[in-house]
Protein backbone atom coordinates (compact mmCIF):
# COMPACT_ATOMS: atom_id res chain seq x y z
CA MET A 1 8.75 -22.96 -17.51
CA GLN A 2 10.21 -25.28 -14.94
CA THR A 3 8.37 -25.58 -11.72
CA HIS A 4 9.01 -27.93 -8.94
CA SER A 5 12.77 -28.42 -9.61
CA LYS A 6 13.42 -24.75 -8.97
CA LYS A 7 14.89 -23.66 -5.59
CA HIS A 8 12.98 -20.43 -5.52
CA PHE A 9 10.15 -18.91 -7.56
CA ASP A 10 9.48 -15.49 -8.88
CA ILE A 11 5.91 -14.34 -8.16
CA LEU A 12 3.91 -11.49 -9.45
CA ILE A 13 1.25 -10.13 -7.13
CA PHE A 14 -1.40 -7.68 -8.27
CA GLY A 15 -2.03 -5.33 -5.44
CA ALA A 16 0.40 -4.00 -2.63
CA SER A 17 -2.04 -3.62 0.26
CA TYR A 18 -3.25 -7.13 0.96
CA GLY A 19 -0.77 -8.58 -1.53
CA SER A 20 2.10 -7.56 0.86
CA LEU A 21 0.95 -10.12 3.41
CA LEU A 22 1.45 -13.00 0.99
CA ALA A 23 4.57 -11.39 -0.50
CA THR A 24 6.06 -11.24 3.08
CA LYS A 25 5.35 -14.86 3.59
CA LEU A 26 6.90 -15.76 0.26
CA ALA A 27 9.97 -13.69 0.95
CA LEU A 28 10.41 -15.27 4.39
CA ALA A 29 10.51 -18.67 2.64
CA GLY A 30 13.12 -17.57 0.14
CA HIS A 31 10.95 -16.62 -2.98
CA ASN A 32 10.82 -13.35 -4.65
CA ALA A 33 7.64 -11.25 -5.01
CA THR A 34 6.99 -8.26 -7.16
CA LEU A 35 3.85 -6.26 -6.10
CA VAL A 36 1.97 -4.40 -8.94
CA CYS A 37 0.80 -1.12 -7.60
CA LEU A 38 0.53 2.73 -7.86
CA PRO A 39 3.58 4.88 -8.63
CA ALA A 40 3.60 6.39 -5.00
CA GLU A 41 3.47 2.78 -3.61
CA VAL A 42 6.19 1.65 -5.90
CA GLU A 43 8.56 4.35 -4.81
CA LEU A 44 7.92 3.89 -1.15
CA ILE A 45 8.28 0.01 -1.29
CA ASN A 46 11.36 0.05 -3.41
CA THR A 47 12.97 2.64 -1.12
CA VAL A 48 12.05 1.39 2.35
CA GLY A 49 10.43 -1.93 1.84
CA THR A 50 7.21 -3.27 3.37
CA ARG A 51 6.19 -3.84 6.97
CA VAL A 52 3.71 -6.55 8.07
CA ARG A 53 2.65 -6.72 11.60
CA LEU A 54 1.18 -10.14 12.85
CA PRO A 55 -0.46 -11.07 16.16
CA ILE A 56 1.11 -14.25 17.49
CA LYS A 57 -0.71 -16.64 19.77
CA GLY A 58 0.40 -16.42 23.36
CA ARG A 59 2.44 -13.21 22.80
CA GLU A 60 1.73 -9.59 23.73
CA GLY A 61 1.49 -7.09 20.95
CA LEU A 62 2.29 -7.48 17.24
CA VAL A 63 5.44 -8.98 15.55
CA GLU A 64 6.65 -6.63 12.74
CA ILE A 65 8.37 -8.16 9.65
CA ASP A 66 10.48 -5.76 7.72
CA SER A 67 10.94 -6.97 4.08
CA ARG A 68 14.43 -5.52 3.87
CA GLY A 69 15.99 -8.32 5.93
CA LEU A 70 14.28 -11.31 4.42
CA PRO A 71 15.83 -14.24 2.38
CA GLY A 72 13.70 -13.46 -0.59
CA LYS A 73 13.25 -10.12 -2.28
CA ILE A 74 10.03 -7.87 -2.26
CA SER A 75 10.01 -5.20 -4.98
CA ALA A 76 7.32 -3.14 -6.61
CA ALA A 77 6.45 -2.01 -10.11
CA THR A 78 3.66 -0.18 -12.00
CA PRO A 79 1.67 -2.37 -14.36
CA GLU A 80 3.19 -1.08 -17.60
CA ASN A 81 6.69 -1.98 -16.23
CA VAL A 82 5.98 -5.63 -15.80
CA ASN A 83 6.91 -8.43 -18.16
CA PRO A 84 4.75 -11.47 -17.02
CA THR A 85 7.10 -13.98 -18.74
CA ASN A 86 9.63 -13.36 -15.89
CA PHE A 87 7.32 -15.08 -13.35
CA ASP A 88 6.52 -18.55 -12.40
CA LEU A 89 3.16 -17.74 -10.61
CA VAL A 90 0.81 -14.71 -10.55
CA VAL A 91 -1.28 -13.79 -7.46
CA LEU A 92 -4.57 -11.72 -7.73
CA ALA A 93 -4.75 -9.60 -4.50
CA MET A 94 -6.71 -6.55 -5.67
CA GLN A 95 -10.46 -6.10 -5.29
CA GLU A 96 -12.34 -7.38 -8.44
CA PRO A 97 -13.41 -3.90 -9.73
CA GLN A 98 -9.88 -2.77 -9.90
CA TYR A 99 -8.96 -5.13 -12.69
CA GLY A 100 -11.04 -2.98 -15.06
CA ALA A 101 -8.40 -0.03 -14.89
CA PRO A 102 -6.74 0.29 -18.29
CA THR A 103 -3.16 -0.48 -17.21
CA VAL A 104 -4.16 -3.40 -14.91
CA ARG A 105 -6.41 -4.78 -17.57
CA ALA A 106 -3.58 -4.77 -20.14
CA LEU A 107 -1.30 -6.53 -17.77
CA LEU A 108 -3.92 -9.12 -16.76
CA GLU A 109 -4.50 -9.86 -20.41
CA ALA A 110 -0.75 -10.41 -20.94
CA VAL A 111 -0.73 -12.83 -18.07
CA ALA A 112 -3.75 -14.72 -19.51
CA VAL A 113 -2.22 -15.09 -23.04
CA THR A 114 1.23 -16.13 -21.65
CA HIS A 115 -0.45 -19.07 -19.85
CA ILE A 116 1.17 -18.46 -16.34
CA PRO A 117 -0.54 -20.33 -13.45
CA THR A 118 -2.65 -17.74 -11.51
CA MET A 119 -3.98 -17.92 -7.91
CA SER A 120 -6.60 -15.54 -6.72
CA ILE A 121 -6.81 -14.37 -2.98
CA MET A 122 -9.74 -12.12 -3.91
CA ASN A 123 -13.12 -12.51 -2.04
CA MET A 124 -14.85 -12.57 -5.53
CA PRO A 125 -13.77 -15.81 -7.39
CA PRO A 126 -12.51 -14.89 -10.94
CA LEU A 127 -14.84 -16.08 -13.66
CA PRO A 128 -12.37 -18.72 -14.96
CA TYR A 129 -12.46 -20.24 -11.57
CA LEU A 130 -16.21 -20.60 -11.53
CA ALA A 131 -15.76 -22.49 -14.88
CA ARG A 132 -13.85 -25.17 -12.79
CA VAL A 133 -16.80 -25.83 -10.69
CA PRO A 134 -18.46 -28.72 -12.46
CA SER A 135 -22.11 -27.60 -11.83
CA LEU A 136 -21.60 -23.98 -12.82
CA ASN A 137 -21.60 -22.32 -16.29
CA ALA A 138 -19.45 -19.25 -15.69
CA ASN A 139 -21.10 -17.20 -18.46
CA ASP A 140 -24.33 -17.18 -16.32
CA TYR A 141 -22.66 -14.90 -13.76
CA ARG A 142 -21.00 -12.16 -15.95
CA ASP A 143 -23.40 -9.49 -14.59
CA CYS A 144 -22.06 -9.91 -11.17
CA TYR A 145 -18.61 -8.58 -12.32
CA THR A 146 -17.52 -5.01 -12.88
CA ALA A 147 -15.49 -5.92 -15.89
CA PRO A 148 -16.23 -9.54 -16.89
CA GLU A 149 -14.32 -9.23 -20.18
CA VAL A 150 -10.97 -9.05 -18.43
CA TRP A 151 -11.27 -12.69 -17.52
CA ASP A 152 -12.12 -13.98 -21.12
CA LYS A 153 -8.59 -14.99 -22.19
CA PHE A 154 -7.83 -17.16 -19.23
CA ASP A 155 -7.72 -20.92 -19.40
CA PRO A 156 -9.62 -22.13 -16.29
CA LYS A 157 -7.14 -24.86 -15.91
CA LEU A 158 -4.58 -22.22 -14.96
CA MET A 159 -6.65 -20.38 -12.39
CA THR A 160 -7.01 -21.28 -8.77
CA LEU A 161 -8.57 -19.61 -5.68
CA CYS A 162 -7.85 -19.32 -1.95
CA SER A 163 -9.97 -19.27 1.11
CA PRO A 164 -10.73 -18.44 3.98
CA ASP A 165 -7.96 -15.87 4.17
CA ALA A 166 -6.34 -13.79 6.85
CA GLN A 167 -8.07 -10.48 7.59
CA ALA A 168 -5.74 -7.37 7.24
CA PHE A 169 -5.84 -3.61 7.05
CA ARG A 170 -3.67 -0.65 6.47
CA PRO A 171 -3.43 1.47 9.67
CA PRO A 172 -4.65 4.88 8.52
CA GLU A 173 -1.99 6.73 10.38
CA GLU A 174 0.88 4.76 8.71
CA GLY A 175 2.55 4.67 5.27
CA VAL A 176 0.95 2.70 2.38
CA ASN A 177 3.81 0.09 2.91
CA VAL A 178 2.37 -0.96 6.34
CA LEU A 179 -0.14 -3.81 6.71
CA GLN A 180 -1.55 -4.98 9.91
CA VAL A 181 -3.12 -8.39 10.22
CA ARG A 182 -6.28 -8.60 12.27
CA LEU A 183 -7.08 -12.32 11.89
CA PRO A 184 -4.11 -14.60 11.06
CA THR A 185 -5.86 -17.52 9.36
CA ASN A 186 -4.55 -19.58 6.35
CA PHE A 187 -4.65 -19.26 2.63
CA LYS A 188 -6.51 -22.47 1.63
CA ALA A 189 -5.82 -23.03 -2.06
CA ALA A 190 -7.57 -25.53 -4.43
CA ARG A 191 -4.97 -27.40 -6.55
CA PHE A 192 -4.44 -26.46 -10.26
CA GLU A 193 -5.43 -28.97 -12.88
CA SER A 194 -1.84 -29.70 -13.70
CA GLU A 195 0.27 -31.70 -11.40
CA ASP A 196 3.32 -29.59 -12.14
CA HIS A 197 1.67 -26.34 -11.18
CA THR A 198 0.19 -28.10 -8.12
CA ASN A 199 3.60 -29.22 -7.15
CA MET A 200 4.88 -25.69 -7.26
CA LEU A 201 2.11 -24.50 -4.87
CA ARG A 202 2.93 -27.40 -2.49
CA GLN A 203 6.59 -26.63 -2.49
CA ILE A 204 5.83 -23.00 -1.67
CA ALA A 205 3.40 -24.18 1.04
CA THR A 206 6.14 -26.48 2.52
CA ASP A 207 8.76 -23.63 2.37
CA ILE A 208 6.37 -21.32 4.15
CA GLU A 209 5.57 -23.97 6.86
CA ALA A 210 9.29 -24.40 7.49
CA VAL A 211 10.04 -20.72 8.30
CA ARG A 212 11.01 -19.79 11.87
CA PHE A 213 11.40 -15.99 12.62
CA GLU A 214 13.58 -14.57 15.35
CA VAL A 215 11.89 -12.36 17.92
CA ASP A 216 13.76 -11.38 21.07
CA GLY A 217 16.36 -13.99 20.45
CA GLU A 218 13.78 -16.75 20.15
CA LYS A 219 12.87 -18.55 16.85
CA ILE A 220 9.12 -18.75 16.50
CA GLU A 221 6.66 -19.98 14.03
CA LEU A 222 4.52 -17.35 12.36
CA PRO A 223 0.78 -17.76 11.50
CA VAL A 224 -0.69 -17.45 8.06
CA LYS A 225 0.31 -20.60 5.99
CA LEU A 226 -0.60 -21.73 2.54
CA LYS A 227 -2.52 -25.06 2.45
CA VAL A 228 -3.12 -26.93 -0.83
CA PHE A 229 -6.31 -28.92 -1.29
CA ASP A 230 -7.53 -31.30 -4.07
CA SER A 231 -11.11 -30.05 -3.94
CA VAL A 232 -12.23 -27.07 -5.99
CA PHE A 233 -14.94 -26.43 -3.41
CA VAL A 234 -12.54 -25.61 -0.42
CA PRO A 235 -12.27 -21.97 -1.51
CA LEU A 236 -16.13 -21.66 -1.50
CA ALA A 237 -16.04 -21.92 2.15
CA LYS A 238 -15.59 -18.21 2.11
CA TRP A 239 -19.12 -17.58 0.75
CA SER A 240 -20.93 -18.38 4.02
CA MET A 241 -18.69 -16.12 5.96
CA LEU A 242 -18.82 -13.21 3.53
CA VAL A 243 -22.73 -13.49 3.23
CA SER A 244 -23.45 -13.94 6.94
CA GLY A 245 -20.72 -11.55 8.13
CA ASN A 246 -19.12 -9.14 5.65
CA TYR A 247 -22.12 -8.14 3.61
CA ARG A 248 -24.45 -7.97 6.67
CA CYS A 249 -22.22 -5.07 7.82
CA ILE A 250 -24.18 -3.09 5.24
CA THR A 251 -27.45 -1.90 6.85
CA ALA A 252 -30.02 0.74 5.81
CA ALA A 253 -28.66 2.99 8.61
CA GLY A 254 -25.07 2.70 7.46
CA MET A 255 -22.28 0.13 8.40
CA ARG A 256 -21.49 -1.77 11.40
CA PRO A 257 -18.58 -4.07 12.49
CA ILE A 258 -18.36 -7.69 11.35
CA LYS A 259 -18.54 -8.79 15.01
CA GLU A 260 -21.88 -7.04 15.47
CA ALA A 261 -23.17 -8.30 12.02
CA VAL A 262 -22.52 -11.92 13.23
CA HIS A 263 -23.35 -11.70 16.99
CA SER A 264 -26.12 -9.17 17.28
CA ASP A 265 -28.57 -11.79 16.03
CA ILE A 266 -26.61 -15.09 16.27
CA LYS A 267 -29.54 -17.22 15.29
CA GLN A 268 -30.09 -15.38 12.05
CA SER A 269 -26.35 -15.33 11.34
CA GLU A 270 -26.17 -19.17 11.91
CA ALA A 271 -29.24 -19.79 9.60
CA THR A 272 -27.77 -17.59 6.78
CA TYR A 273 -24.37 -19.36 7.15
CA ALA A 274 -26.08 -22.72 7.11
CA TRP A 275 -28.15 -21.85 3.98
CA VAL A 276 -25.02 -20.81 2.00
CA ARG A 277 -23.22 -23.86 3.18
CA ASP A 278 -25.99 -25.97 1.99
CA LEU A 279 -25.90 -24.29 -1.37
CA CYS A 280 -22.29 -25.16 -1.69
CA ILE A 281 -23.06 -28.82 -0.84
CA SER A 282 -25.67 -28.68 -3.47
CA LEU A 283 -23.04 -27.66 -6.04
CA GLY A 284 -21.02 -30.66 -5.00
CA ALA A 285 -18.98 -29.54 -1.85
CA ASP A 286 -18.22 -32.09 0.72
CA PRO A 287 -19.29 -30.86 4.11
CA LYS A 288 -15.63 -31.34 5.25
CA ASP A 289 -14.45 -28.90 2.57
CA LEU A 290 -16.32 -26.16 4.48
CA VAL A 291 -15.90 -24.45 7.81
CA PRO A 292 -18.24 -25.04 10.79
CA PHE A 293 -20.23 -22.01 11.95
CA GLU A 294 -18.90 -22.09 15.41
CA LYS A 295 -15.37 -21.65 14.31
CA TYR A 296 -16.42 -18.72 12.11
CA ALA A 297 -18.37 -17.08 15.00
CA ALA A 298 -15.55 -17.37 17.41
CA ALA A 299 -13.19 -15.72 14.86
CA ALA A 300 -15.70 -12.94 14.10
CA ASN A 301 -15.42 -11.94 17.83
CA GLY A 302 -12.12 -10.42 16.94
CA LEU A 303 -13.30 -8.45 13.90
CA GLY A 304 -14.27 -5.02 15.45
CA SER A 305 -14.32 -3.14 12.11
CA PRO A 306 -16.81 -3.10 9.19
CA SER A 307 -15.79 -5.21 6.23
CA SER A 308 -13.86 -3.80 3.21
CA ALA A 309 -16.96 -4.11 1.09
CA ALA A 310 -19.02 -2.05 3.57
CA ARG A 311 -16.23 0.57 4.00
CA ALA A 312 -15.87 1.03 0.16
CA LEU A 313 -19.64 1.15 -0.29
CA PHE A 314 -20.21 3.77 2.23
CA GLY A 315 -16.89 5.48 1.22
CA GLY A 316 -18.50 6.38 -2.19
CA ALA A 317 -17.20 3.45 -4.36
CA LYS A 318 -19.08 3.22 -7.59
CA ASN A 319 -18.32 -0.60 -7.80
CA ILE A 320 -17.55 -3.26 -5.13
CA GLU A 321 -17.02 -6.99 -5.18
CA ARG A 322 -20.58 -8.60 -5.43
CA VAL A 323 -20.24 -11.99 -3.80
CA ASP A 324 -23.71 -11.31 -2.44
CA LYS A 325 -25.30 -11.06 -5.94
CA LEU A 326 -23.24 -14.17 -7.21
CA VAL A 327 -24.56 -16.26 -4.29
CA GLN A 328 -28.14 -14.94 -4.85
CA LEU A 329 -28.01 -15.69 -8.56
CA ILE A 330 -26.46 -19.20 -8.18
CA ALA A 331 -29.24 -19.96 -5.60
CA LYS A 332 -31.90 -18.64 -7.99
CA GLN A 333 -30.89 -21.06 -10.67
CA LYS A 334 -31.43 -23.85 -8.11
CA GLY A 335 -34.87 -22.46 -7.30
CA LYS A 336 -33.75 -21.23 -3.87
CA SER A 337 -33.84 -17.84 -2.24
CA LEU A 338 -33.19 -16.35 1.20
CA PRO A 339 -34.75 -12.97 2.40
CA VAL A 340 -31.47 -11.91 4.22
CA ILE A 341 -29.48 -12.17 0.91
CA ASP A 342 -32.28 -10.53 -1.15
CA GLU A 343 -32.18 -7.61 1.45
CA VAL A 344 -28.37 -7.16 1.29
CA VAL A 345 -28.38 -7.24 -2.65
CA THR A 346 -31.18 -4.63 -2.65
CA LEU A 347 -29.20 -2.46 -0.08
CA VAL A 348 -26.05 -2.59 -2.04
CA ASN A 349 -27.67 -1.99 -5.44
CA ALA A 350 -29.26 1.15 -3.95
CA GLN A 351 -26.18 2.47 -2.39
CA LEU A 352 -24.10 1.96 -5.60
CA GLU A 353 -26.72 3.83 -7.60
CA LYS A 354 -26.43 6.64 -5.11
CA ASN A 355 -22.73 6.65 -5.26
CA ARG A 356 -22.73 6.63 -9.06
CA ALA A 357 -25.24 9.56 -9.25
CA GLN A 358 -23.02 11.75 -7.19
């Protein structure tokens, strides 16, 4: 497979909801994206395309991008109708528990054995990515995953991860081909081990950067870029945000918005954030790989809904992504613990047990 000498890349994306954001950015830059999703989504996307709505700094309202008029092509397919050898890059954009579904699992395994470079935009780092963090032994954390065995055939050298990514949701009153971006931040990817694969990411990042989109006769720059970093620790910047914000949307009384989780007790949020940040530094992260609390707290002001983990949990999900449990376990191995995290893990465990019993 050639990489950086190609004019455009063919990219396979697991998941059509959040995946359609990255697919749109890729197609704007002239690359082709295939979304792996459910039959009803496949039919809708292949018939009428996708719509992604983005807020633009200094502009009223949202800018809508219709996939049908872009330089690159966005299409969709069910897992059993995909041949991974047709792709240069695979992107993981589903939530971690979904990879255990039989058809998804079979395709994921085919990706692993074909040795295609794979980039995750999940909140939960795939197990092979943890294997790239020098101070961690990925096998110690299998219990934090719904289906850990789906990752067994991956070569860690071919897995990378992004953070801290844009926040987006499907407006409930719209079709499943519509995605609205709430917080338009960048995908910050760690490099691959191979120079060739990393150059492919860098080329894609440059192509996305160069895009100008016409709105009302004016060519504008769009938010949500791909940035490529040399440090494997850059994607772990997400952990502080998830633990102090997303998972603290989960309370004994139900769920609350991310904004409230962060700002109702800003001192506790900051202390939690700093504690997780220090944990990442103890693993080998450079403080400049991570995001300052002030920047996160300001962004959280715009997050008026509960996190996807909280919505899934209180929506009856039998499994959710367990970054809370992962962070707790990594800390425990270093002889550290934090009551806020222990409380969250206990709440999530109890609610999942309740959901599974129903």
